[in-house]
C-alpha atoms as a PDB file:
ATOM      1  CA  MET A   1     127.963  39.966 126.247  1.00  0.00           C
ATOM      2  CA  LEU A   2     127.726  39.597 130.122  1.00  0.00           C
ATOM      3  CA  ALA A   3     125.002  41.961 131.517  1.00  0.00           C
ATOM      4  CA  ALA A   4     122.612  42.731 134.581  1.00  0.00           C
ATOM      5  CA  GLN A   5     119.316  43.290 133.456  1.00  0.00           C
ATOM      6  CA  ALA A   6     115.821  44.745 135.174  1.00  0.00           C
ATOM      7  CA  VAL A   7     113.173  42.035 133.069  1.00  0.00           C
ATOM      8  CA  SER A   8     110.118  42.874 135.934  1.00  0.00           C
ATOM      9  CA  GLN A   9     109.721  45.090 138.622  1.00  0.00           C
ATOM     10  CA  SER A  10     108.056  44.684 142.270  1.00  0.00           C
ATOM     11  CA  ALA A  11     107.670  47.172 144.846  1.00  0.00           C
ATOM     12  CA  SER A  12     107.995  44.641 147.452  1.00  0.00           C
ATOM     13  CA  ASP A  13     110.421  42.875 145.968  1.00  0.00           C
ATOM     14  CA  PRO A  14     112.909  44.205 143.661  1.00  0.00           C
ATOM     15  CA  MET A  15     115.133  41.305 143.930  1.00  0.00           C
ATOM     16  CA  SER A  16     112.587  38.781 141.680  1.00  0.00           C
ATOM     17  CA  GLY A  17     112.982  41.355 137.917  1.00  0.00           C
ATOM     18  CA  LEU A  18     116.985  41.050 138.515  1.00  0.00           C
ATOM     19  CA  ARG A  19     118.786  38.978 135.465  1.00  0.00           C
ATOM     20  CA  VAL A  20     121.967  38.156 135.340  1.00  0.00           C
ATOM     21  CA  GLY A  21     122.956  36.348 132.107  1.00  0.00           C
ATOM     22  CA  GLU A  22     123.840  37.199 128.445  1.00  0.00           C
ATOM     23  CA  ARG A  23     122.167  39.817 125.963  1.00  0.00           C
ATOM     24  CA  ASP A  24     123.178  40.926 122.747  1.00  0.00           C
ATOM     25  CA  ALA A  25     126.011  43.680 122.600  1.00  0.00           C
ATOM     26  CA  PRO A  26     125.072  47.369 122.008  1.00  0.00           C
ATOM     27  CA  THR A  27     126.519  49.114 118.707  1.00  0.00           C
ATOM     28  CA  ALA A  28     127.080  52.744 118.128  1.00  0.00           C
ATOM     29  CA  ARG A  29     124.910  55.390 116.288  1.00  0.00           C
ATOM     30  CA  GLU A  30     126.261  57.846 114.950  1.00  0.00           C
ATOM     31  CA  GLY A  31     127.494  60.143 117.416  1.00  0.00           C
ATOM     32  CA  TRP A  32     128.002  57.043 120.016  1.00  0.00           C
ATOM     33  CA  GLN A  33     131.119  54.983 121.039  1.00  0.00           C
ATOM     34  CA  VAL A  34     131.087  51.568 122.723  1.00  0.00           C
ATOM     35  CA  VAL A  35     133.070  51.603 126.076  1.00  0.00           C
ATOM     36  CA  ASP A  36     134.608  47.755 126.860  1.00  0.00           C
ATOM     37  CA  LEU A  37     134.011  48.436 130.563  1.00  0.00           C
ATOM     38  CA  ARG A  38     136.508  47.284 133.457  1.00  0.00           C
ATOM     39  CA  ALA A  39     134.451  48.228 135.992  1.00  0.00           C
ATOM     40  CA  ALA A  40     130.794  49.346 137.189  1.00  0.00           C
ATOM     41  CA  ALA A  41     129.394  50.234 140.534  1.00  0.00           C
ATOM     42  CA  LEU A  42     126.127  50.199 141.641  1.00  0.00           C
ATOM     43  CA  ASN A  43     123.756  52.793 142.981  1.00  0.00           C
ATOM     44  CA  HIS A  44     120.115  52.643 144.537  1.00  0.00           C
ATOM     45  CA  HIS A  45     119.140  53.950 141.248  1.00  0.00           C
ATOM     46  CA  ASP A  46     119.060  50.603 140.395  1.00  0.00           C
ATOM     47  CA  VAL A  47     116.766  49.045 142.916  1.00  0.00           C
ATOM     48  CA  TRP A  48     114.860  51.898 142.327  1.00  0.00           C
ATOM     49  CA  SER A  49     114.316  50.379 138.743  1.00  0.00           C
ATOM     50  CA  LEU A  50     113.740  47.320 139.699  1.00  0.00           C
ATOM     51  CA  ARG A  51     110.982  48.966 142.258  1.00  0.00           C
ATOM     52  CA  GLY A  52     109.000  50.301 138.983  1.00  0.00           C
ATOM     53  CA  VAL A  53     110.489  54.011 139.895  1.00  0.00           C
ATOM     54  CA  GLY A  54     111.626  56.053 137.326  1.00  0.00           C
ATOM     55  CA  LEU A  55     111.747  52.795 134.849  1.00  0.00           C
ATOM     56  CA  PRO A  56     108.350  52.637 132.635  1.00  0.00           C
ATOM     57  CA  ALA A  57     107.630  48.826 132.570  1.00  0.00           C
ATOM     58  CA  ASP A  58     107.259  49.222 128.505  1.00  0.00           C
ATOM     59  CA  ARG A  59     111.276  49.972 128.458  1.00  0.00           C
ATOM     60  CA  LEU A  60     112.163  46.529 129.793  1.00  0.00           C
ATOM     61  CA  PRO A  61     114.337  44.599 129.529  1.00  0.00           C
ATOM     62  CA  MET A  62     117.030  47.101 130.404  1.00  0.00           C
ATOM     63  CA  VAL A  63     120.666  47.080 131.662  1.00  0.00           C
ATOM     64  CA  LEU A  64     121.073  48.977 135.064  1.00  0.00           C
ATOM     65  CA  GLY A  65     123.613  50.843 135.621  1.00  0.00           C
ATOM     66  CA  CYS A  66     124.535  54.288 135.839  1.00  0.00           C
ATOM     67  CA  ASP A  67     128.348  54.649 137.536  1.00  0.00           C
ATOM     68  CA  GLY A  68     131.394  52.400 134.936  1.00  0.00           C
ATOM     69  CA  ALA A  69     134.925  53.507 133.627  1.00  0.00           C
ATOM     70  CA  GLY A  70     136.464  51.274 130.600  1.00  0.00           C
ATOM     71  CA  VAL A  71     138.184  51.673 127.353  1.00  0.00           C
ATOM     72  CA  THR A  72     137.118  52.902 123.784  1.00  0.00           C
ATOM     73  CA  ALA A  73     138.194  51.239 120.549  1.00  0.00           C
ATOM     74  CA  ASP A  74     140.758  53.822 120.325  1.00  0.00           C
ATOM     75  CA  GLY A  75     142.686  52.241 123.588  1.00  0.00           C
ATOM     76  CA  GLU A  76     141.622  55.228 125.526  1.00  0.00           C
ATOM     77  CA  GLU A  77     140.733  54.835 129.386  1.00  0.00           C
ATOM     78  CA  VAL A  78     137.754  56.723 129.992  1.00  0.00           C
ATOM     79  CA  ILE A  79     135.058  57.398 132.919  1.00  0.00           C
ATOM     80  CA  VAL A  80     131.447  56.434 131.445  1.00  0.00           C
ATOM     81  CA  HIS A  81     129.134  60.090 132.087  1.00  0.00           C
ATOM     82  CA  ALA A  82     125.584  59.284 132.688  1.00  0.00           C
ATOM     83  CA  VAL A  83     123.590  62.393 131.599  1.00  0.00           C
ATOM     84  CA  ILE A  84     122.588  61.920 128.707  1.00  0.00           C
ATOM     85  CA  ALA A  85     120.841  65.200 127.247  1.00  0.00           C
ATOM     86  CA  SER A  86     118.711  65.160 124.256  1.00  0.00           C
ATOM     87  CA  ASP A  87     119.668  65.694 121.036  1.00  0.00           C
ATOM     88  CA  GLY A  88     120.377  69.370 119.923  1.00  0.00           C
ATOM     89  CA  TRP A  89     120.483  70.394 123.477  1.00  0.00           C
ATOM     90  CA  ALA A  90     123.355  72.753 124.003  1.00  0.00           C
ATOM     91  CA  GLY A  91     124.427  74.126 127.810  1.00  0.00           C
ATOM     92  CA  ASP A  92     124.260  72.328 131.692  1.00  0.00           C
ATOM     93  CA  GLU A  93     122.957  69.050 130.540  1.00  0.00           C
ATOM     94  CA  THR A  94     121.011  68.641 134.291  1.00  0.00           C
ATOM     95  CA  LEU A  95     118.841  71.865 133.016  1.00  0.00           C
ATOM     96  CA  ASP A  96     117.908  69.737 130.054  1.00  0.00           C
ATOM     97  CA  PRO A  97     114.223  68.835 130.742  1.00  0.00           C
ATOM     98  CA  ARG A  98     114.249  66.109 128.960  1.00  0.00           C
ATOM     99  CA  ARG A  99     118.291  64.905 129.896  1.00  0.00           C
ATOM    100  CA  THR A 100     118.279  60.727 130.984  1.00  0.00           C
ATOM    101  CA  LEU A 101     120.575  58.949 132.787  1.00  0.00           C
ATOM    102  CA  LEU A 102     121.696  55.814 131.393  1.00  0.00           C
ATOM    103  CA  SER A 103     119.797  52.444 132.046  1.00  0.00           C
ATOM    104  CA  GLU A 104     116.460  54.958 132.071  1.00  0.00           C
ATOM    105  CA  LEU A 105     115.987  55.140 128.267  1.00  0.00           C
ATOM    106  CA  HIS A 106     119.415  53.849 127.034  1.00  0.00           C
ATOM    107  CA  ASP A 107     121.250  50.396 128.452  1.00  0.00           C
ATOM    108  CA  GLY A 108     123.283  50.750 131.102  1.00  0.00           C
ATOM    109  CA  THR A 109     126.561  49.976 132.717  1.00  0.00           C
ATOM    110  CA  LEU A 110     126.285  46.903 134.263  1.00  0.00           C
ATOM    111  CA  ALA A 111     127.771  45.097 131.413  1.00  0.00           C
ATOM    112  CA  GLU A 112     130.516  44.342 129.514  1.00  0.00           C
ATOM    113  CA  GLN A 113     130.126  47.023 126.775  1.00  0.00           C
ATOM    114  CA  VAL A 114     127.976  50.441 126.992  1.00  0.00           C
ATOM    115  CA  ALA A 115     127.190  52.553 124.340  1.00  0.00           C
ATOM    116  CA  VAL A 116     127.167  56.397 124.813  1.00  0.00           C
ATOM    117  CA  PRO A 117     127.465  59.715 123.031  1.00  0.00           C
ATOM    118  CA  VAL A 118     130.709  60.519 122.319  1.00  0.00           C
ATOM    119  CA  GLY A 119     131.213  63.480 124.360  1.00  0.00           C
ATOM    120  CA  ASN A 120     130.079  61.143 127.259  1.00  0.00           C
ATOM    121  CA  VAL A 121     133.712  60.071 128.730  1.00  0.00           C
ATOM    122  CA  VAL A 122     136.184  61.833 130.247  1.00  0.00           C
ATOM    123  CA  PRO A 123     139.787  60.895 130.470  1.00  0.00           C
ATOM    124  CA  LYS A 124     140.459  58.708 133.641  1.00  0.00           C
ATOM    125  CA  PRO A 125     143.781  59.595 134.948  1.00  0.00           C
ATOM    126  CA  ALA A 126     146.685  57.218 134.743  1.00  0.00           C
ATOM    127  CA  GLY A 127     146.450  57.184 138.735  1.00  0.00           C
ATOM    128  CA  LEU A 128     143.394  55.995 139.508  1.00  0.00           C
ATOM    129  CA  SER A 129     142.310  51.891 139.748  1.00  0.00           C
ATOM    130  CA  TRP A 130     139.432  50.984 137.752  1.00  0.00           C
ATOM    131  CA  GLU A 131     137.361  50.622 140.884  1.00  0.00           C
ATOM    132  CA  THR A 132     138.404  54.234 142.400  1.00  0.00           C
ATOM    133  CA  ALA A 133     136.915  55.352 138.811  1.00  0.00           C
ATOM    134  CA  ALA A 134     133.933  53.031 138.440  1.00  0.00           C
ATOM    135  CA  CYS A 135     132.326  55.295 141.986  1.00  0.00           C
ATOM    136  CA  LEU A 136     132.452  58.746 140.508  1.00  0.00           C
ATOM    137  CA  SER A 137     129.951  59.084 138.050  1.00  0.00           C
ATOM    138  CA  THR A 138     127.058  59.263 140.162  1.00  0.00           C
ATOM    139  CA  ALA A 139     127.054  59.800 143.600  1.00  0.00           C
ATOM    140  CA  TRP A 140     130.397  61.291 143.749  1.00  0.00           C
ATOM    141  CA  LEU A 141     129.499  63.376 140.668  1.00  0.00           C
ATOM    142  CA  THR A 142     126.454  64.224 143.029  1.00  0.00           C
ATOM    143  CA  ALA A 143     128.580  65.059 145.878  1.00  0.00           C
ATOM    144  CA  TYR A 144     131.233  67.538 144.168  1.00  0.00           C
ATOM    145  CA  ARG A 145     128.472  69.070 142.525  1.00  0.00           C
ATOM    146  CA  MET A 146     126.918  70.010 145.908  1.00  0.00           C
ATOM    147  CA  LEU A 147     129.708  70.744 147.441  1.00  0.00           C
ATOM    148  CA  PHE A 148     131.535  72.569 145.266  1.00  0.00           C
ATOM    149  CA  THR A 149     129.069  74.419 142.668  1.00  0.00           C
ATOM    150  CA  ASN A 150     126.108  75.149 144.586  1.00  0.00           C
ATOM    151  CA  ALA A 151     126.693  74.886 148.695  1.00  0.00           C
ATOM    152  CA  GLY A 152     129.342  78.372 148.085  1.00  0.00           C
ATOM    153  CA  VAL A 153     131.284  76.958 150.901  1.00  0.00           C
ATOM    154  CA  ARG A 154     135.050  77.556 151.564  1.00  0.00           C
ATOM    155  CA  PRO A 155     138.276  75.893 153.152  1.00  0.00           C
ATOM    156  CA  GLY A 156     137.688  75.809 157.518  1.00  0.00           C
ATOM    157  CA  ASP A 157     133.988  76.181 156.878  1.00  0.00           C
ATOM    158  CA  THR A 158     132.069  73.834 158.511  1.00  0.00           C
ATOM    159  CA  VAL A 159     129.329  71.238 156.649  1.00  0.00           C
ATOM    160  CA  LEU A 160     126.614  69.011 158.092  1.00  0.00           C
ATOM    161  CA  VAL A 161     126.077  66.153 156.421  1.00  0.00           C
ATOM    162  CA  GLN A 162     122.383  64.694 156.945  1.00  0.00           C
ATOM    163  CA  GLY A 163     122.481  60.511 156.999  1.00  0.00           C
ATOM    164  CA  ALA A 164     126.112  58.773 157.631  1.00  0.00           C
ATOM    165  CA  GLY A 165     126.616  56.076 155.644  1.00  0.00           C
ATOM    166  CA  GLY A 166     125.113  56.423 151.997  1.00  0.00           C
ATOM    167  CA  GLY A 167     127.265  56.925 148.753  1.00  0.00           C
ATOM    168  CA  VAL A 168     126.580  60.621 148.423  1.00  0.00           C
ATOM    169  CA  ALA A 169     127.006  61.015 152.166  1.00  0.00           C
ATOM    170  CA  THR A 170     130.439  59.070 151.799  1.00  0.00           C
ATOM    171  CA  ALA A 171     131.989  60.777 149.177  1.00  0.00           C
ATOM    172  CA  LEU A 172     130.392  64.440 150.521  1.00  0.00           C
ATOM    173  CA  VAL A 173     132.850  63.614 153.422  1.00  0.00           C
ATOM    174  CA  GLN A 174     135.787  62.774 152.006  1.00  0.00           C
ATOM    175  CA  LEU A 175     135.896  65.076 149.219  1.00  0.00           C
ATOM    176  CA  GLY A 176     134.674  67.841 151.435  1.00  0.00           C
ATOM    177  CA  ALA A 177     138.044  66.654 154.023  1.00  0.00           C
ATOM    178  CA  ALA A 178     140.282  66.897 151.690  1.00  0.00           C
ATOM    179  CA  ALA A 179     139.395  70.451 150.619  1.00  0.00           C
ATOM    180  CA  GLY A 180     139.841  71.694 154.091  1.00  0.00           C
ATOM    181  CA  ILE A 181     136.427  72.155 154.968  1.00  0.00           C
ATOM    182  CA  ARG A 182     135.357  70.624 158.513  1.00  0.00           C
ATOM    183  CA  MET A 183     133.042  67.811 157.670  1.00  0.00           C
ATOM    184  CA  TRP A 184     130.057  67.083 160.397  1.00  0.00           C
ATOM    185  CA  VAL A 185     127.631  64.332 159.930  1.00  0.00           C
ATOM    186  CA  THR A 186     124.614  63.095 161.748  1.00  0.00           C
ATOM    187  CA  SER A 187     122.821  59.416 161.647  1.00  0.00           C
ATOM    188  CA  ARG A 188     120.510  57.383 163.941  1.00  0.00           C
ATOM    189  CA  ASP A 189     123.866  54.161 164.126  1.00  0.00           C
ATOM    190  CA  GLU A 190     126.058  54.959 166.142  1.00  0.00           C
ATOM    191  CA  ALA A 191     128.725  52.935 164.166  1.00  0.00           C
ATOM    192  CA  ARG A 192     127.912  54.535 160.904  1.00  0.00           C
ATOM    193  CA  GLY A 193     128.209  57.758 162.882  1.00  0.00           C
ATOM    194  CA  ALA A 194     131.889  56.374 163.792  1.00  0.00           C
ATOM    195  CA  ARG A 195     132.504  55.220 160.533  1.00  0.00           C
ATOM    196  CA  ALA A 196     132.011  58.385 158.678  1.00  0.00           C
ATOM    197  CA  VAL A 197     134.637  60.083 161.457  1.00  0.00           C
ATOM    198  CA  GLU A 198     137.143  57.355 160.078  1.00  0.00           C
ATOM    199  CA  ILE A 199     136.630  58.262 156.666  1.00  0.00           C
ATOM    200  CA  GLY A 200     137.506  62.597 157.642  1.00  0.00           C
ATOM    201  CA  ALA A 201     134.188  63.493 159.219  1.00  0.00           C
ATOM    202  CA  GLU A 202     135.580  65.829 162.108  1.00  0.00           C
ATOM    203  CA  ARG A 203     132.147  64.713 163.963  1.00  0.00           C
ATOM    204  CA  ALA A 204     129.445  62.756 164.317  1.00  0.00           C
ATOM    205  CA  PHE A 205     126.041  63.576 165.815  1.00  0.00           C
ATOM    206  CA  ALA A 206     122.840  61.931 166.975  1.00  0.00           C
ATOM    207  CA  ALA A 207     119.906  62.531 164.605  1.00  0.00           C
ATOM    208  CA  ASP A 208     118.431  65.582 165.693  1.00  0.00           C
ATOM    209  CA  GLU A 209     120.870  66.480 167.860  1.00  0.00           C
ATOM    210  CA  ARG A 210     121.972  70.195 168.802  1.00  0.00           C
ATOM    211  CA  LEU A 211     124.873  71.242 167.422  1.00  0.00           C
ATOM    212  CA  PRO A 212     127.499  72.864 169.181  1.00  0.00           C
ATOM    213  CA  GLU A 213     127.308  75.615 166.646  1.00  0.00           C
ATOM    214  CA  ARG A 214     125.547  76.552 163.663  1.00  0.00           C
ATOM    215  CA  VAL A 215     127.083  75.480 160.236  1.00  0.00           C
ATOM    216  CA  ALA A 216     128.198  77.414 157.004  1.00  0.00           C
ATOM    217  CA  ALA A 217     125.904  74.697 154.329  1.00  0.00           C
ATOM    218  CA  VAL A 218     123.512  71.487 154.981  1.00  0.00           C
ATOM    219  CA  MET A 219     124.414  69.086 153.161  1.00  0.00           C
ATOM    220  CA  GLU A 220     120.485  66.984 152.830  1.00  0.00           C
ATOM    221  CA  THR A 221     119.964  64.074 150.939  1.00  0.00           C
ATOM    222  CA  VAL A 222     116.995  62.616 153.754  1.00  0.00           C
ATOM    223  CA  GLY A 223     114.405  65.330 153.394  1.00  0.00           C
ATOM    224  CA  ALA A 224     111.101  65.316 155.598  1.00  0.00           C
ATOM    225  CA  ALA A 225     112.793  63.562 158.793  1.00  0.00           C
ATOM    226  CA  THR A 226     115.632  65.986 158.827  1.00  0.00           C
ATOM    227  CA  TRP A 227     114.302  69.608 157.424  1.00  0.00           C
ATOM    228  CA  SER A 228     113.838  71.230 160.364  1.00  0.00           C
ATOM    229  CA  HIS A 229     117.210  70.603 161.885  1.00  0.00           C
ATOM    230  CA  SER A 230     118.707  71.398 158.430  1.00  0.00           C
ATOM    231  CA  VAL A 231     117.153  74.870 159.269  1.00  0.00           C
ATOM    232  CA  ASN A 232     117.613  75.124 162.428  1.00  0.00           C
ATOM    233  CA  SER A 233     121.336  74.424 162.124  1.00  0.00           C
ATOM    234  CA  LEU A 234     122.207  76.718 159.691  1.00  0.00           C
ATOM    235  CA  ASN A 235     124.220  80.344 160.136  1.00  0.00           C
ATOM    236  CA  PRO A 236     121.787  83.010 158.807  1.00  0.00           C
ATOM    237  CA  GLY A 237     122.598  83.536 155.022  1.00  0.00           C
ATOM    238  CA  GLY A 238     123.815  79.405 154.948  1.00  0.00           C
ATOM    239  CA  ALA A 239     122.431  77.206 152.283  1.00  0.00           C
ATOM    240  CA  ILE A 240     120.962  73.726 152.159  1.00  0.00           C
ATOM    241  CA  VAL A 241     121.699  71.667 149.081  1.00  0.00           C
ATOM    242  CA  ILE A 242     119.136  69.329 148.446  1.00  0.00           C
ATOM    243  CA  SER A 243     120.250  66.285 146.452  1.00  0.00           C
ATOM    244  CA  GLY A 244     117.437  63.543 147.836  1.00  0.00           C
ATOM    245  CA  ALA A 245     115.061  62.811 149.969  1.00  0.00           C
ATOM    246  CA  THR A 246     114.624  59.233 151.066  1.00  0.00           C
ATOM    247  CA  SER A 247     112.553  59.804 154.193  1.00  0.00           C
ATOM    248  CA  GLY A 248     109.950  61.545 152.007  1.00  0.00           C
ATOM    249  CA  ASP A 249     109.704  65.369 150.616  1.00  0.00           C
ATOM    250  CA  ALA A 250     106.688  66.590 152.824  1.00  0.00           C
ATOM    251  CA  PRO A 251     108.340  68.067 156.411  1.00  0.00           C
ATOM    252  CA  ALA A 252     105.989  68.418 159.080  1.00  0.00           C
ATOM    253  CA  LYS A 253     106.576  72.400 159.303  1.00  0.00           C
ATOM    254  CA  ALA A 254     108.571  74.435 156.333  1.00  0.00           C
ATOM    255  CA  GLU A 255     110.314  76.567 158.270  1.00  0.00           C
ATOM    256  CA  LEU A 256     109.127  79.322 155.658  1.00  0.00           C
ATOM    257  CA  THR A 257     109.524  81.824 158.309  1.00  0.00           C
ATOM    258  CA  LYS A 258     113.050  80.985 159.283  1.00  0.00           C
ATOM    259  CA  ILE A 259     114.311  80.379 155.634  1.00  0.00           C
ATOM    260  CA  PHE A 260     112.916  83.761 154.946  1.00  0.00           C
ATOM    261  CA  PHE A 261     114.099  85.924 158.294  1.00  0.00           C
ATOM    262  CA  LYS A 262     117.727  83.963 158.492  1.00  0.00           C
ATOM    263  CA  GLN A 263     118.063  84.804 154.498  1.00  0.00           C
ATOM    264  CA  LEU A 264     118.385  81.241 154.014  1.00  0.00           C
ATOM    265  CA  ARG A 265     119.154  79.634 150.682  1.00  0.00           C
ATOM    266  CA  VAL A 266     117.775  76.453 149.544  1.00  0.00           C
ATOM    267  CA  VAL A 267     119.530  74.778 145.985  1.00  0.00           C
ATOM    268  CA  GLY A 268     118.382  71.914 144.367  1.00  0.00           C
ATOM    269  CA  SER A 269     120.810  69.764 143.175  1.00  0.00           C
ATOM    270  CA  THR A 270     121.044  66.767 139.965  1.00  0.00           C
ATOM    271  CA  MET A 271     124.145  64.701 138.833  1.00  0.00           C
ATOM    272  CA  GLY A 272     126.612  67.052 137.822  1.00  0.00           C
ATOM    273  CA  THR A 273     128.313  68.173 134.050  1.00  0.00           C
ATOM    274  CA  ARG A 274     130.535  66.236 132.157  1.00  0.00           C
ATOM    275  CA  ASP A 275     133.273  69.122 132.994  1.00  0.00           C
ATOM    276  CA  GLU A 276     132.683  68.738 136.569  1.00  0.00           C
ATOM    277  CA  LEU A 277     133.105  64.544 136.455  1.00  0.00           C
ATOM    278  CA  ALA A 278     136.381  65.362 134.473  1.00  0.00           C
ATOM    279  CA  ALA A 279     136.888  68.163 137.179  1.00  0.00           C
ATOM    280  CA  LEU A 280     136.156  65.555 140.504  1.00  0.00           C
ATOM    281  CA  ALA A 281     138.367  62.672 138.548  1.00  0.00           C
ATOM    282  CA  ARG A 282     141.581  65.608 138.385  1.00  0.00           C
ATOM    283  CA  PHE A 283     140.783  65.972 142.440  1.00  0.00           C
ATOM    284  CA  VAL A 284     140.355  62.527 143.466  1.00  0.00           C
ATOM    285  CA  ASP A 285     143.844  61.798 142.059  1.00  0.00           C
ATOM    286  CA  ARG A 286     145.473  64.640 142.971  1.00  0.00           C
ATOM    287  CA  SER A 287     143.989  64.166 146.691  1.00  0.00           C
ATOM    288  CA  GLY A 288     145.118  60.896 146.729  1.00  0.00           C
ATOM    289  CA  ILE A 289     141.530  59.693 147.891  1.00  0.00           C
ATOM    290  CA  GLU A 290     140.079  56.413 147.627  1.00  0.00           C
ATOM    291  CA  PRO A 291     136.594  56.318 147.754  1.00  0.00           C
ATOM    292  CA  VAL A 292     135.266  53.966 150.472  1.00  0.00           C
ATOM    293  CA  VAL A 293     133.863  50.503 148.660  1.00  0.00           C
ATOM    294  CA  ASP A 294     131.811  48.287 150.937  1.00  0.00           C
ATOM    295  CA  SER A 295     132.777  45.352 148.870  1.00  0.00           C
ATOM    296  CA  VAL A 296     133.759  44.268 144.598  1.00  0.00           C
ATOM    297  CA  VAL A 297     132.596  41.414 142.738  1.00  0.00           C
ATOM    298  CA  PRO A 298     132.506  40.175 140.054  1.00  0.00           C
ATOM    299  CA  LEU A 299     130.019  41.101 137.514  1.00  0.00           C
ATOM    300  CA  GLU A 300     128.542  37.437 137.370  1.00  0.00           C
ATOM    301  CA  ARG A 301     127.778  37.686 140.854  1.00  0.00           C
ATOM    302  CA  ALA A 302     125.634  40.786 141.119  1.00  0.00           C
ATOM    303  CA  GLN A 303     122.971  39.416 142.800  1.00  0.00           C
ATOM    304  CA  GLU A 304     125.066  39.229 145.448  1.00  0.00           C
ATOM    305  CA  GLY A 305     126.044  43.303 145.088  1.00  0.00           C
ATOM    306  CA  PHE A 306     122.107  43.988 144.709  1.00  0.00           C
ATOM    307  CA  ALA A 307     121.429  42.001 148.032  1.00  0.00           C
ATOM    308  CA  ARG A 308     123.370  43.727 150.389  1.00  0.00           C
ATOM    309  CA  MET A 309     122.135  47.276 148.739  1.00  0.00           C
ATOM    310  CA  VAL A 310     118.329  45.879 149.479  1.00  0.00           C
ATOM    311  CA  ASP A 311     119.367  44.405 152.736  1.00  0.00           C
ATOM    312  CA  GLY A 312     120.334  47.713 153.805  1.00  0.00           C
ATOM    313  CA  GLU A 313     123.554  46.669 154.528  1.00  0.00           C
ATOM    314  CA  LEU A 314     126.081  48.593 152.673  1.00  0.00           C
ATOM    315  CA  PHE A 315     128.748  51.523 154.072  1.00  0.00           C
ATOM    316  CA  GLY A 316     130.502  53.040 150.429  1.00  0.00           C
ATOM    317  CA  LYS A 317     130.047  51.644 147.068  1.00  0.00           C
ATOM    318  CA  VAL A 318     129.405  47.923 145.592  1.00  0.00           C
ATOM    319  CA  VAL A 319     131.671  47.994 142.668  1.00  0.00           C
ATOM    320  CA  PHE A 320     131.608  44.774 139.811  1.00  0.00           C
ATOM    321  CA  THR A 321     134.503  44.176 138.329  1.00  0.00           C
ATOM    322  CA  VAL A 322     134.337  43.362 134.641  1.00  0.00           C
ATOM    323  CA  GLY A 323     136.295  40.349 132.545  1.00  0.00           C
END
């Protein structure tokens, strides 16, 4: 089968370790099933794997990819859930200390087929295109859990998203706007801020710009560079929900005094559960949201999609079509 694999790793030249070509098709062990993929999407996780972060070299070659949608052997159209719990784990799989994502221990979705546990698929609503369905499993699921499970916000509240343009940020804006939440964004790039307004944000601000009023929650994926601004932007009792720290995880000021004095909540958020993925798919279908897609290319040209991500040219998702 055709697949995009990490065959080597380089922190300075991640593209050097990407190979798109033939490899053996997966087989399903007991309790697993094979999904024939129709579309898959790219995440920064895939580039980090090529840089040698989170994927040990002794597991190479590894098929990359966490996002995907396809058809099971019995003809059911499904979305693949990328969080793989350890054998015997019960409950919220994101809390399993031994959990992995597809492409970390088990081959991922940037291929014609993928093998996953039987419980790691959810029905694809008939109204969703393959491209939309393929976008949901990672960045969109992360955004859904941040907003609706961990932030505690309601329609009419104001939420600030630090950093516009990335997959999680665009998903946050679109999901929040569809749910009646007033979404604000910050960006160091005026054009990216304008694009965020086009997809549903009410306002865009320059990085570190003082806001006209404080917000109920801040969605934080940037980290050190925006931490003080996030703390200072919150109403008393508000929440910072963190799912990443692309600028580093050691801010110059921890702002602990403000956090306890204003009774702020700092909530870590990682991916989401299978049930949340199913709820997300239904919400996207019923609300008519169409994820922002930067580009759609066939899997055999996966190098082009990776290059756009490595070069930082993206706004939205890169989707690979299969077959």
